[in-house]
Amino acid sequence: MFWTIITNLIAIIFFSFQGVPAISTGADSLVLKTGVPAVKISAEKSAVLMADDHFFLFTDNADEPQPIASITKLMTALVFLDYNPGWETTYIITEADKVEGGRLNLFLGDEVKIKDMFYTSLVASDNGATLALVHASGLSESEFISKMNERAADLGLKQTSFRDPVGLSEYNLSTAREVALMAQTAFKREEIRDATTKSVYEFTTVSGRDKRMESTDNLLSDSGDRKLRVLGGKTGYTERAGYCFVGRLQNEAGKEVISVVLNCQDKNGRFKDTKSLANWVFTNYSWSK
């Protein structure tokens, strides 16, 4: 065990100089293989976290804050679950729920179940549905945002802060490292995990109007890499944030990680980078337990 730890520490130091940071030294159940090439991605900031621990297997500019766009909705969902009035409760969309930006899926006067608004928020990354959830919670927008910031503080996310619940504000800030930790908590909730693993969600409004929501997470419908299974994911994009993604991924051996990429060059690049990072970790680390 002693020589295993020493070898791992040497590898960590060696690859850190090549821009390939590695795990915490406390993770003695993991060994970074020797002779590992650096992974090439377009993301400006990134991190890979063990899915159920606090050991980071990869970081690159992971502590630099930036806007996180609709990844914000994971925190909104977490706070909303504390104030959920009931999945079968219905809500009527009003002018107050109108938000600029993104595709509009729910219209003025639509009466929908809370569960359907929740899924619309996370599956389609719908801004209006997300704001409607806030209004349905019984809290004012300012109270709800305060709860979001309180939850971030409770999770120890010192560089994470929110100004709105949908992700349009350039002051909704976090880092790749803290997004991974936030997502780790969010994906532990069955409701969030279920919503973020649906490529399509369909429902009918109270008046009988059929709705079909398609996920913004292209990895859910990606048949090109059958080695990876998506166990949760959330996209984000604004001009300031760039293309972003956080996902919980599982390999064929059942090992799981949370991967974050922020400010990627293009829409599909964030998914390509995510697969590259996950496959790099699963290929180059040996789980000894």
C-alpha atoms as a PDB file:
ATOM      1  CA  MET A   1       0.000   0.000   0.000  1.00  0.00           C
ATOM      2  CA  PHE A   2       2.851   2.391   0.865  1.00  0.00           C
ATOM      3  CA  TRP A   3       4.472   2.065  -2.560  1.00  0.00           C
ATOM      4  CA  THR A   4       1.089   2.348  -4.250  1.00  0.00           C
ATOM      5  CA  ILE A   5       0.485   5.683  -2.534  1.00  0.00           C
ATOM      6  CA  ILE A   6       4.013   6.919  -3.369  1.00  0.00           C
ATOM      7  CA  THR A   7       3.601   5.917  -7.025  1.00  0.00           C
ATOM      8  CA  ASN A   8       0.242   7.667  -7.191  1.00  0.00           C
ATOM      9  CA  LEU A   9       1.674  10.848  -5.654  1.00  0.00           C
ATOM     10  CA  ILE A  10       4.500  10.905  -8.215  1.00  0.00           C
ATOM     11  CA  ALA A  11       1.953  10.492 -11.018  1.00  0.00           C
ATOM     12  CA  ILE A  12      -0.179  13.259  -9.579  1.00  0.00           C
ATOM     13  CA  ILE A  13       2.771  15.667  -9.439  1.00  0.00           C
ATOM     14  CA  PHE A  14       3.955  14.677 -12.927  1.00  0.00           C
ATOM     15  CA  PHE A  15       0.605  15.096 -14.615  1.00  0.00           C
ATOM     16  CA  SER A  16      -0.255  18.279 -12.721  1.00  0.00           C
ATOM     17  CA  PHE A  17       2.597  19.967 -14.571  1.00  0.00           C
ATOM     18  CA  GLN A  18       0.979  18.834 -17.814  1.00  0.00           C
ATOM     19  CA  GLY A  19      -2.381  20.389 -16.984  1.00  0.00           C
ATOM     20  CA  VAL A  20      -3.882  17.076 -15.815  1.00  0.00           C
ATOM     21  CA  PRO A  21      -4.648  17.554 -12.122  1.00  0.00           C
ATOM     22  CA  ALA A  22      -5.598  14.425 -10.216  1.00  0.00           C
ATOM     23  CA  ILE A  23      -7.276  13.033  -7.139  1.00  0.00           C
ATOM     24  CA  SER A  24      -6.910  13.938  -3.505  1.00  0.00           C
ATOM     25  CA  THR A  25      -4.174  11.920  -1.808  1.00  0.00           C
ATOM     26  CA  GLY A  26      -6.791  10.530   0.557  1.00  0.00           C
ATOM     27  CA  ALA A  27      -8.364   8.427  -2.191  1.00  0.00           C
ATOM     28  CA  ASP A  28      -6.087   5.418  -1.742  1.00  0.00           C
ATOM     29  CA  SER A  29      -8.625   3.141  -3.446  1.00  0.00           C
ATOM     30  CA  LEU A  30      -7.816   4.838  -6.760  1.00  0.00           C
ATOM     31  CA  VAL A  31      -4.578   4.637  -8.710  1.00  0.00           C
ATOM     32  CA  LEU A  32      -3.703   6.835 -11.655  1.00  0.00           C
ATOM     33  CA  LYS A  33      -1.990   4.736 -14.305  1.00  0.00           C
ATOM     34  CA  THR A  34       1.462   5.780 -15.456  1.00  0.00           C
ATOM     35  CA  GLY A  35       2.185   7.188 -18.889  1.00  0.00           C
ATOM     36  CA  VAL A  36      -1.236   8.761 -19.198  1.00  0.00           C
ATOM     37  CA  PRO A  37      -1.612  11.341 -21.989  1.00  0.00           C
ATOM     38  CA  ALA A  38      -3.301  14.665 -21.288  1.00  0.00           C
ATOM     39  CA  VAL A  39      -6.945  14.880 -22.294  1.00  0.00           C
ATOM     40  CA  LYS A  40      -7.774  17.548 -24.892  1.00  0.00           C
ATOM     41  CA  ILE A  41     -11.062  19.409 -24.577  1.00  0.00           C
ATOM     42  CA  SER A  42     -12.423  22.782 -25.672  1.00  0.00           C
ATOM     43  CA  ALA A  43     -13.964  23.738 -22.315  1.00  0.00           C
ATOM     44  CA  GLU A  44     -12.318  26.657 -20.570  1.00  0.00           C
ATOM     45  CA  LYS A  45     -13.068  25.211 -17.134  1.00  0.00           C
ATOM     46  CA  SER A  46     -13.749  21.616 -16.112  1.00  0.00           C
ATOM     47  CA  ALA A  47     -13.802  19.119 -13.278  1.00  0.00           C
ATOM     48  CA  VAL A  48     -14.539  15.446 -12.688  1.00  0.00           C
ATOM     49  CA  LEU A  49     -15.709  14.351  -9.253  1.00  0.00           C
ATOM     50  CA  MET A  50     -16.218  10.887  -7.797  1.00  0.00           C
ATOM     51  CA  ALA A  51     -19.993  10.572  -7.842  1.00  0.00           C
ATOM     52  CA  ASP A  52     -20.441   9.745  -4.163  1.00  0.00           C
ATOM     53  CA  ASP A  53     -17.340  11.239  -2.595  1.00  0.00           C
ATOM     54  CA  HIS A  54     -15.486  14.543  -2.499  1.00  0.00           C
ATOM     55  CA  PHE A  55     -12.389  13.391  -4.394  1.00  0.00           C
ATOM     56  CA  PHE A  56     -11.715  15.161  -7.672  1.00  0.00           C
ATOM     57  CA  LEU A  57     -10.189  13.019 -10.407  1.00  0.00           C
ATOM     58  CA  PHE A  58      -9.575  15.929 -12.791  1.00  0.00           C
ATOM     59  CA  THR A  59      -9.623  19.711 -12.555  1.00  0.00           C
ATOM     60  CA  ASP A  60      -8.680  22.467 -14.986  1.00  0.00           C
ATOM     61  CA  ASN A  61      -9.324  26.104 -14.074  1.00  0.00           C
ATOM     62  CA  ALA A  62     -11.899  24.578 -11.744  1.00  0.00           C
ATOM     63  CA  ASP A  63     -11.848  27.382  -9.164  1.00  0.00           C
ATOM     64  CA  GLU A  64     -12.433  30.317 -11.503  1.00  0.00           C
ATOM     65  CA  PRO A  65     -15.977  31.730 -11.105  1.00  0.00           C
ATOM     66  CA  GLN A  66     -18.161  32.356 -14.130  1.00  0.00           C
ATOM     67  CA  PRO A  67     -21.881  32.534 -15.011  1.00  0.00           C
ATOM     68  CA  ILE A  68     -23.502  29.085 -15.061  1.00  0.00           C
ATOM     69  CA  ALA A  69     -26.675  29.854 -17.050  1.00  0.00           C
ATOM     70  CA  SER A  70     -29.408  27.192 -16.782  1.00  0.00           C
ATOM     71  CA  ILE A  71     -27.339  24.895 -14.597  1.00  0.00           C
ATOM     72  CA  THR A  72     -28.888  27.278 -12.052  1.00  0.00           C
ATOM     73  CA  LYS A  73     -32.098  25.268 -12.404  1.00  0.00           C
ATOM     74  CA  LEU A  74     -30.588  22.404 -10.381  1.00  0.00           C
ATOM     75  CA  MET A  75     -30.450  24.672  -7.336  1.00  0.00           C
ATOM     76  CA  THR A  76     -33.920  26.017  -8.129  1.00  0.00           C
ATOM     77  CA  ALA A  77     -35.229  22.454  -8.196  1.00  0.00           C
ATOM     78  CA  LEU A  78     -33.538  21.606  -4.892  1.00  0.00           C
ATOM     79  CA  VAL A  79     -35.105  24.595  -3.134  1.00  0.00           C
ATOM     80  CA  PHE A  80     -38.491  24.056  -4.775  1.00  0.00           C
ATOM     81  CA  LEU A  81     -38.680  20.505  -3.423  1.00  0.00           C
ATOM     82  CA  ASP A  82     -38.645  22.003   0.084  1.00  0.00           C
ATOM     83  CA  TYR A  83     -41.757  24.050  -0.748  1.00  0.00           C
ATOM     84  CA  ASN A  84     -43.563  21.765  -3.178  1.00  0.00           C
ATOM     85  CA  PRO A  85     -47.332  22.291  -2.718  1.00  0.00           C
ATOM     86  CA  GLY A  86     -47.999  18.805  -4.137  1.00  0.00           C
ATOM     87  CA  TRP A  87     -47.332  17.144  -7.487  1.00  0.00           C
ATOM     88  CA  GLU A  88     -51.045  16.949  -8.358  1.00  0.00           C
ATOM     89  CA  THR A  89     -51.728  20.573  -7.430  1.00  0.00           C
ATOM     90  CA  THR A  90     -52.495  22.664 -10.510  1.00  0.00           C
ATOM     91  CA  TYR A  91     -51.197  26.096 -11.404  1.00  0.00           C
ATOM     92  CA  ILE A  92     -52.395  28.588 -14.027  1.00  0.00           C
ATOM     93  CA  ILE A  93     -49.685  30.329 -16.050  1.00  0.00           C
ATOM     94  CA  THR A  94     -49.905  34.137 -15.707  1.00  0.00           C
ATOM     95  CA  GLU A  95     -48.140  37.163 -17.149  1.00  0.00           C
ATOM     96  CA  ALA A  96     -45.827  37.109 -14.126  1.00  0.00           C
ATOM     97  CA  ASP A  97     -44.383  33.817 -15.387  1.00  0.00           C
ATOM     98  CA  LYS A  98     -43.279  35.263 -18.719  1.00  0.00           C
ATOM     99  CA  VAL A  99     -39.511  35.261 -19.208  1.00  0.00           C
ATOM    100  CA  GLU A 100     -37.530  36.352 -22.230  1.00  0.00           C
ATOM    101  CA  GLY A 101     -35.097  33.841 -23.655  1.00  0.00           C
ATOM    102  CA  GLY A 102     -35.480  30.225 -24.706  1.00  0.00           C
ATOM    103  CA  ARG A 103     -38.360  28.323 -26.226  1.00  0.00           C
ATOM    104  CA  LEU A 104     -41.823  28.963 -24.777  1.00  0.00           C
ATOM    105  CA  ASN A 105     -43.641  25.714 -23.906  1.00  0.00           C
ATOM    106  CA  LEU A 106     -46.309  26.931 -21.488  1.00  0.00           C
ATOM    107  CA  PHE A 107     -48.657  29.725 -22.487  1.00  0.00           C
ATOM    108  CA  LEU A 108     -50.776  32.322 -20.707  1.00  0.00           C
ATOM    109  CA  GLY A 109     -53.812  30.599 -19.177  1.00  0.00           C
ATOM    110  CA  ASP A 110     -52.424  27.052 -19.371  1.00  0.00           C
ATOM    111  CA  GLU A 111     -53.416  25.108 -16.268  1.00  0.00           C
ATOM    112  CA  VAL A 112     -50.871  22.426 -15.493  1.00  0.00           C
ATOM    113  CA  LYS A 113     -49.901  20.113 -12.669  1.00  0.00           C
ATOM    114  CA  ILE A 114     -46.920  21.046 -10.540  1.00  0.00           C
ATOM    115  CA  LYS A 115     -45.165  17.825 -11.561  1.00  0.00           C
ATOM    116  CA  ASP A 116     -45.509  18.760 -15.237  1.00  0.00           C
ATOM    117  CA  MET A 117     -44.045  22.228 -14.612  1.00  0.00           C
ATOM    118  CA  PHE A 118     -41.144  20.667 -12.716  1.00  0.00           C
ATOM    119  CA  TYR A 119     -40.350  18.284 -15.567  1.00  0.00           C
ATOM    120  CA  THR A 120     -40.771  21.046 -18.149  1.00  0.00           C
ATOM    121  CA  SER A 121     -38.245  23.135 -16.217  1.00  0.00           C
ATOM    122  CA  LEU A 122     -35.586  20.425 -16.118  1.00  0.00           C
ATOM    123  CA  VAL A 123     -36.228  18.459 -19.316  1.00  0.00           C
ATOM    124  CA  ALA A 124     -36.732  21.394 -21.683  1.00  0.00           C
ATOM    125  CA  SER A 125     -34.799  23.899 -19.535  1.00  0.00           C
ATOM    126  CA  ASP A 126     -37.879  26.106 -19.816  1.00  0.00           C
ATOM    127  CA  ASN A 127     -37.434  29.516 -18.171  1.00  0.00           C
ATOM    128  CA  GLY A 128     -41.146  30.287 -17.867  1.00  0.00           C
ATOM    129  CA  ALA A 129     -41.933  26.928 -16.259  1.00  0.00           C
ATOM    130  CA  THR A 130     -39.073  27.479 -13.824  1.00  0.00           C
ATOM    131  CA  LEU A 131     -40.336  30.903 -12.807  1.00  0.00           C
ATOM    132  CA  ALA A 132     -43.844  29.459 -12.457  1.00  0.00           C
ATOM    133  CA  LEU A 133     -42.439  26.885 -10.019  1.00  0.00           C
ATOM    134  CA  VAL A 134     -41.027  29.711  -7.943  1.00  0.00           C
ATOM    135  CA  HIS A 135     -44.411  31.460  -7.896  1.00  0.00           C
ATOM    136  CA  ALA A 136     -46.172  28.193  -7.018  1.00  0.00           C
ATOM    137  CA  SER A 137     -43.856  27.656  -4.045  1.00  0.00           C
ATOM    138  CA  GLY A 138     -45.569  30.304  -1.940  1.00  0.00           C
ATOM    139  CA  LEU A 139     -42.374  32.360  -1.682  1.00  0.00           C
ATOM    140  CA  SER A 140     -41.705  35.662  -3.371  1.00  0.00           C
ATOM    141  CA  GLU A 141     -38.958  35.674  -5.996  1.00  0.00           C
ATOM    142  CA  SER A 142     -36.579  37.481  -3.640  1.00  0.00           C
ATOM    143  CA  GLU A 143     -37.337  35.022  -0.826  1.00  0.00           C
ATOM    144  CA  PHE A 144     -36.789  32.083  -3.151  1.00  0.00           C
ATOM    145  CA  ILE A 145     -33.444  33.432  -4.377  1.00  0.00           C
ATOM    146  CA  SER A 146     -32.382  33.970  -0.764  1.00  0.00           C
ATOM    147  CA  LYS A 147     -33.166  30.302  -0.091  1.00  0.00           C
ATOM    148  CA  MET A 148     -31.024  29.339  -3.098  1.00  0.00           C
ATOM    149  CA  ASN A 149     -28.094  31.292  -1.703  1.00  0.00           C
ATOM    150  CA  GLU A 150     -28.649  29.838   1.760  1.00  0.00           C
ATOM    151  CA  ARG A 151     -28.577  26.317   0.310  1.00  0.00           C
ATOM    152  CA  ALA A 152     -25.338  27.099  -1.525  1.00  0.00           C
ATOM    153  CA  ALA A 153     -23.811  28.308   1.740  1.00  0.00           C
ATOM    154  CA  ASP A 154     -25.040  25.194   3.555  1.00  0.00           C
ATOM    155  CA  LEU A 155     -23.282  23.056   0.939  1.00  0.00           C
ATOM    156  CA  GLY A 156     -20.054  24.979   1.508  1.00  0.00           C
ATOM    157  CA  LEU A 157     -20.118  26.546  -1.951  1.00  0.00           C
ATOM    158  CA  LYS A 158     -18.242  29.738  -1.182  1.00  0.00           C
ATOM    159  CA  GLN A 159     -17.952  30.959  -4.765  1.00  0.00           C
ATOM    160  CA  THR A 160     -21.525  30.199  -5.782  1.00  0.00           C
ATOM    161  CA  SER A 161     -24.243  32.861  -5.745  1.00  0.00           C
ATOM    162  CA  PHE A 162     -27.571  33.497  -7.462  1.00  0.00           C
ATOM    163  CA  ARG A 163     -29.457  36.589  -8.603  1.00  0.00           C
ATOM    164  CA  ASP A 164     -32.308  34.824 -10.431  1.00  0.00           C
ATOM    165  CA  PRO A 165     -33.852  31.323 -10.383  1.00  0.00           C
ATOM    166  CA  VAL A 166     -33.617  30.586 -14.128  1.00  0.00           C
ATOM    167  CA  GLY A 167     -29.999  31.376 -15.033  1.00  0.00           C
ATOM    168  CA  LEU A 168     -30.270  34.442 -17.243  1.00  0.00           C
ATOM    169  CA  SER A 169     -28.370  36.704 -14.863  1.00  0.00           C
ATOM    170  CA  GLU A 170     -24.638  37.048 -15.479  1.00  0.00           C
ATOM    171  CA  TYR A 171     -24.352  37.220 -11.690  1.00  0.00           C
ATOM    172  CA  ASN A 172     -25.461  33.614 -11.222  1.00  0.00           C
ATOM    173  CA  LEU A 173     -21.912  32.513 -10.554  1.00  0.00           C
ATOM    174  CA  SER A 174     -20.086  29.338  -9.652  1.00  0.00           C
ATOM    175  CA  THR A 175     -16.980  27.312 -10.485  1.00  0.00           C
ATOM    176  CA  ALA A 176     -16.547  23.933 -12.150  1.00  0.00           C
ATOM    177  CA  ARG A 177     -15.597  22.447  -8.780  1.00  0.00           C
ATOM    178  CA  GLU A 178     -18.624  23.856  -6.971  1.00  0.00           C
ATOM    179  CA  VAL A 179     -21.025  23.018  -9.808  1.00  0.00           C
ATOM    180  CA  ALA A 180     -19.896  19.397  -9.436  1.00  0.00           C
ATOM    181  CA  LEU A 181     -20.613  19.460  -5.701  1.00  0.00           C
ATOM    182  CA  MET A 182     -23.989  21.162  -6.233  1.00  0.00           C
ATOM    183  CA  ALA A 183     -24.938  18.584  -8.868  1.00  0.00           C
ATOM    184  CA  GLN A 184     -23.812  15.775  -6.597  1.00  0.00           C
ATOM    185  CA  THR A 185     -26.439  16.873  -4.073  1.00  0.00           C
ATOM    186  CA  ALA A 186     -29.096  17.556  -6.719  1.00  0.00           C
ATOM    187  CA  PHE A 187     -28.744  14.197  -8.466  1.00  0.00           C
ATOM    188  CA  LYS A 188     -29.235  12.405  -5.159  1.00  0.00           C
ATOM    189  CA  ARG A 189     -32.852  13.569  -5.243  1.00  0.00           C
ATOM    190  CA  GLU A 190     -34.951  11.021  -7.100  1.00  0.00           C
ATOM    191  CA  GLU A 191     -37.240  13.700  -8.532  1.00  0.00           C
ATOM    192  CA  ILE A 192     -34.358  15.625 -10.096  1.00  0.00           C
ATOM    193  CA  ARG A 193     -32.569  12.486 -11.250  1.00  0.00           C
ATOM    194  CA  ASP A 194     -35.704  11.171 -12.942  1.00  0.00           C
ATOM    195  CA  ALA A 195     -36.471  14.449 -14.708  1.00  0.00           C
ATOM    196  CA  THR A 196     -32.919  14.930 -15.971  1.00  0.00           C
ATOM    197  CA  THR A 197     -32.714  11.456 -17.495  1.00  0.00           C
ATOM    198  CA  LYS A 198     -35.783  11.787 -19.713  1.00  0.00           C
ATOM    199  CA  SER A 199     -35.049  12.526 -23.363  1.00  0.00           C
ATOM    200  CA  VAL A 200     -38.754  13.264 -23.897  1.00  0.00           C
ATOM    201  CA  TYR A 201     -41.540  14.174 -21.480  1.00  0.00           C
ATOM    202  CA  GLU A 202     -45.194  14.361 -22.524  1.00  0.00           C
ATOM    203  CA  PHE A 203     -48.231  15.519 -20.604  1.00  0.00           C
ATOM    204  CA  THR A 204     -51.678  17.045 -21.092  1.00  0.00           C
ATOM    205  CA  THR A 205     -52.886  20.308 -19.585  1.00  0.00           C
ATOM    206  CA  VAL A 206     -56.109  20.431 -17.578  1.00  0.00           C
ATOM    207  CA  SER A 207     -57.903  21.804 -20.641  1.00  0.00           C
ATOM    208  CA  GLY A 208     -56.701  18.890 -22.771  1.00  0.00           C
ATOM    209  CA  ARG A 209     -53.797  20.467 -24.655  1.00  0.00           C
ATOM    210  CA  ASP A 210     -51.011  17.948 -25.360  1.00  0.00           C
ATOM    211  CA  LYS A 211     -47.446  19.000 -24.610  1.00  0.00           C
ATOM    212  CA  ARG A 212     -44.187  17.367 -25.642  1.00  0.00           C
ATOM    213  CA  MET A 213     -40.886  18.387 -24.056  1.00  0.00           C
ATOM    214  CA  GLU A 214     -37.589  17.351 -25.615  1.00  0.00           C
ATOM    215  CA  SER A 215     -34.468  17.329 -23.489  1.00  0.00           C
ATOM    216  CA  THR A 216     -31.628  19.755 -24.125  1.00  0.00           C
ATOM    217  CA  ASP A 217     -29.210  16.993 -23.030  1.00  0.00           C
ATOM    218  CA  ASN A 218     -28.046  15.373 -26.270  1.00  0.00           C
ATOM    219  CA  LEU A 219     -26.188  12.644 -24.393  1.00  0.00           C
ATOM    220  CA  LEU A 220     -29.521  11.017 -23.551  1.00  0.00           C
ATOM    221  CA  SER A 221     -30.125  10.247 -27.208  1.00  0.00           C
ATOM    222  CA  ASP A 222     -26.495   9.654 -28.190  1.00  0.00           C
ATOM    223  CA  SER A 223     -26.144   6.113 -29.505  1.00  0.00           C
ATOM    224  CA  GLY A 224     -22.518   6.621 -30.518  1.00  0.00           C
ATOM    225  CA  ASP A 225     -21.020   5.798 -27.125  1.00  0.00           C
ATOM    226  CA  ARG A 226     -22.691   2.881 -25.435  1.00  0.00           C
ATOM    227  CA  LYS A 227     -19.977   2.696 -22.784  1.00  0.00           C
ATOM    228  CA  LEU A 228     -21.459   5.637 -20.894  1.00  0.00           C
ATOM    229  CA  ARG A 229     -24.849   5.859 -19.218  1.00  0.00           C
ATOM    230  CA  VAL A 230     -26.310   9.207 -18.199  1.00  0.00           C
ATOM    231  CA  LEU A 231     -27.691   9.183 -14.646  1.00  0.00           C
ATOM    232  CA  GLY A 232     -28.498  12.886 -14.538  1.00  0.00           C
ATOM    233  CA  GLY A 233     -27.545  15.991 -16.473  1.00  0.00           C
ATOM    234  CA  LYS A 234     -28.192  19.691 -16.990  1.00  0.00           C
ATOM    235  CA  THR A 235     -27.237  22.015 -19.801  1.00  0.00           C
ATOM    236  CA  GLY A 236     -26.694  25.751 -19.730  1.00  0.00           C
ATOM    237  CA  TYR A 237     -25.994  28.536 -22.186  1.00  0.00           C
ATOM    238  CA  THR A 238     -25.783  32.297 -22.270  1.00  0.00           C
ATOM    239  CA  GLU A 239     -23.368  34.465 -24.212  1.00  0.00           C
ATOM    240  CA  ARG A 240     -21.357  35.136 -21.040  1.00  0.00           C
ATOM    241  CA  ALA A 241     -21.427  31.553 -19.753  1.00  0.00           C
ATOM    242  CA  GLY A 242     -20.770  29.823 -23.048  1.00  0.00           C
ATOM    243  CA  TYR A 243     -21.989  26.272 -23.546  1.00  0.00           C
ATOM    244  CA  CYS A 244     -22.032  24.372 -20.262  1.00  0.00           C
ATOM    245  CA  PHE A 245     -22.968  20.918 -19.007  1.00  0.00           C
ATOM    246  CA  VAL A 246     -22.882  18.905 -15.804  1.00  0.00           C
ATOM    247  CA  GLY A 247     -23.720  15.213 -15.784  1.00  0.00           C
ATOM    248  CA  ARG A 248     -23.551  12.109 -13.657  1.00  0.00           C
ATOM    249  CA  LEU A 249     -22.151   9.304 -15.799  1.00  0.00           C
ATOM    250  CA  GLN A 250     -21.685   5.573 -15.306  1.00  0.00           C
ATOM    251  CA  ASN A 251     -19.384   3.214 -17.190  1.00  0.00           C
ATOM    252  CA  GLU A 252     -19.929  -0.440 -18.072  1.00  0.00           C
ATOM    253  CA  ALA A 253     -18.293  -1.523 -14.816  1.00  0.00           C
ATOM    254  CA  GLY A 254     -20.785   0.490 -12.785  1.00  0.00           C
ATOM    255  CA  LYS A 255     -18.329   3.217 -11.705  1.00  0.00           C
ATOM    256  CA  GLU A 256     -19.802   6.701 -11.566  1.00  0.00           C
ATOM    257  CA  VAL A 257     -18.460  10.242 -11.841  1.00  0.00           C
ATOM    258  CA  ILE A 258     -19.824  13.761 -12.104  1.00  0.00           C
ATOM    259  CA  SER A 259     -18.334  15.733 -14.983  1.00  0.00           C
ATOM    260  CA  VAL A 260     -18.535  19.510 -15.438  1.00  0.00           C
ATOM    261  CA  VAL A 261     -17.554  21.553 -18.478  1.00  0.00           C
ATOM    262  CA  LEU A 262     -18.014  25.329 -18.571  1.00  0.00           C
ATOM    263  CA  ASN A 263     -17.634  27.789 -21.439  1.00  0.00           C
ATOM    264  CA  CYS A 264     -17.243  25.288 -24.266  1.00  0.00           C
ATOM    265  CA  GLN A 265     -16.826  26.527 -27.816  1.00  0.00           C
ATOM    266  CA  ASP A 266     -20.097  25.245 -29.232  1.00  0.00           C
ATOM    267  CA  LYS A 267     -23.337  23.455 -28.420  1.00  0.00           C
ATOM    268  CA  ASN A 268     -22.162  19.951 -29.299  1.00  0.00           C
ATOM    269  CA  GLY A 269     -18.662  20.556 -27.944  1.00  0.00           C
ATOM    270  CA  ARG A 270     -19.903  20.404 -24.360  1.00  0.00           C
ATOM    271  CA  PHE A 271     -21.183  16.865 -24.906  1.00  0.00           C
ATOM    272  CA  LYS A 272     -18.029  15.792 -26.737  1.00  0.00           C
ATOM    273  CA  ASP A 273     -15.908  17.235 -23.921  1.00  0.00           C
ATOM    274  CA  THR A 274     -18.021  15.471 -21.310  1.00  0.00           C
ATOM    275  CA  LYS A 275     -17.530  12.105 -22.991  1.00  0.00           C
ATOM    276  CA  SER A 276     -13.815  12.756 -23.434  1.00  0.00           C
ATOM    277  CA  LEU A 277     -13.350  13.593 -19.748  1.00  0.00           C
ATOM    278  CA  ALA A 278     -15.431  10.673 -18.478  1.00  0.00           C
ATOM    279  CA  ASN A 279     -13.732   8.176 -20.769  1.00  0.00           C
ATOM    280  CA  TRP A 280     -10.299   9.579 -19.834  1.00  0.00           C
ATOM    281  CA  VAL A 281     -11.029   9.062 -16.146  1.00  0.00           C
ATOM    282  CA  PHE A 282     -12.536   5.590 -16.556  1.00  0.00           C
ATOM    283  CA  THR A 283      -9.633   4.523 -18.769  1.00  0.00           C
ATOM    284  CA  ASN A 284      -6.746   5.944 -16.769  1.00  0.00           C
ATOM    285  CA  TYR A 285      -7.766   5.339 -13.179  1.00  0.00           C
ATOM    286  CA  SER A 286      -7.796   1.912 -11.603  1.00  0.00           C
ATOM    287  CA  TRP A 287     -10.357   1.320  -8.876  1.00  0.00           C
ATOM    288  CA  SER A 288      -8.543  -1.042  -6.492  1.00  0.00           C
ATOM    289  CA  LYS A 289     -11.583  -1.621  -4.300  1.00  0.00           C
END
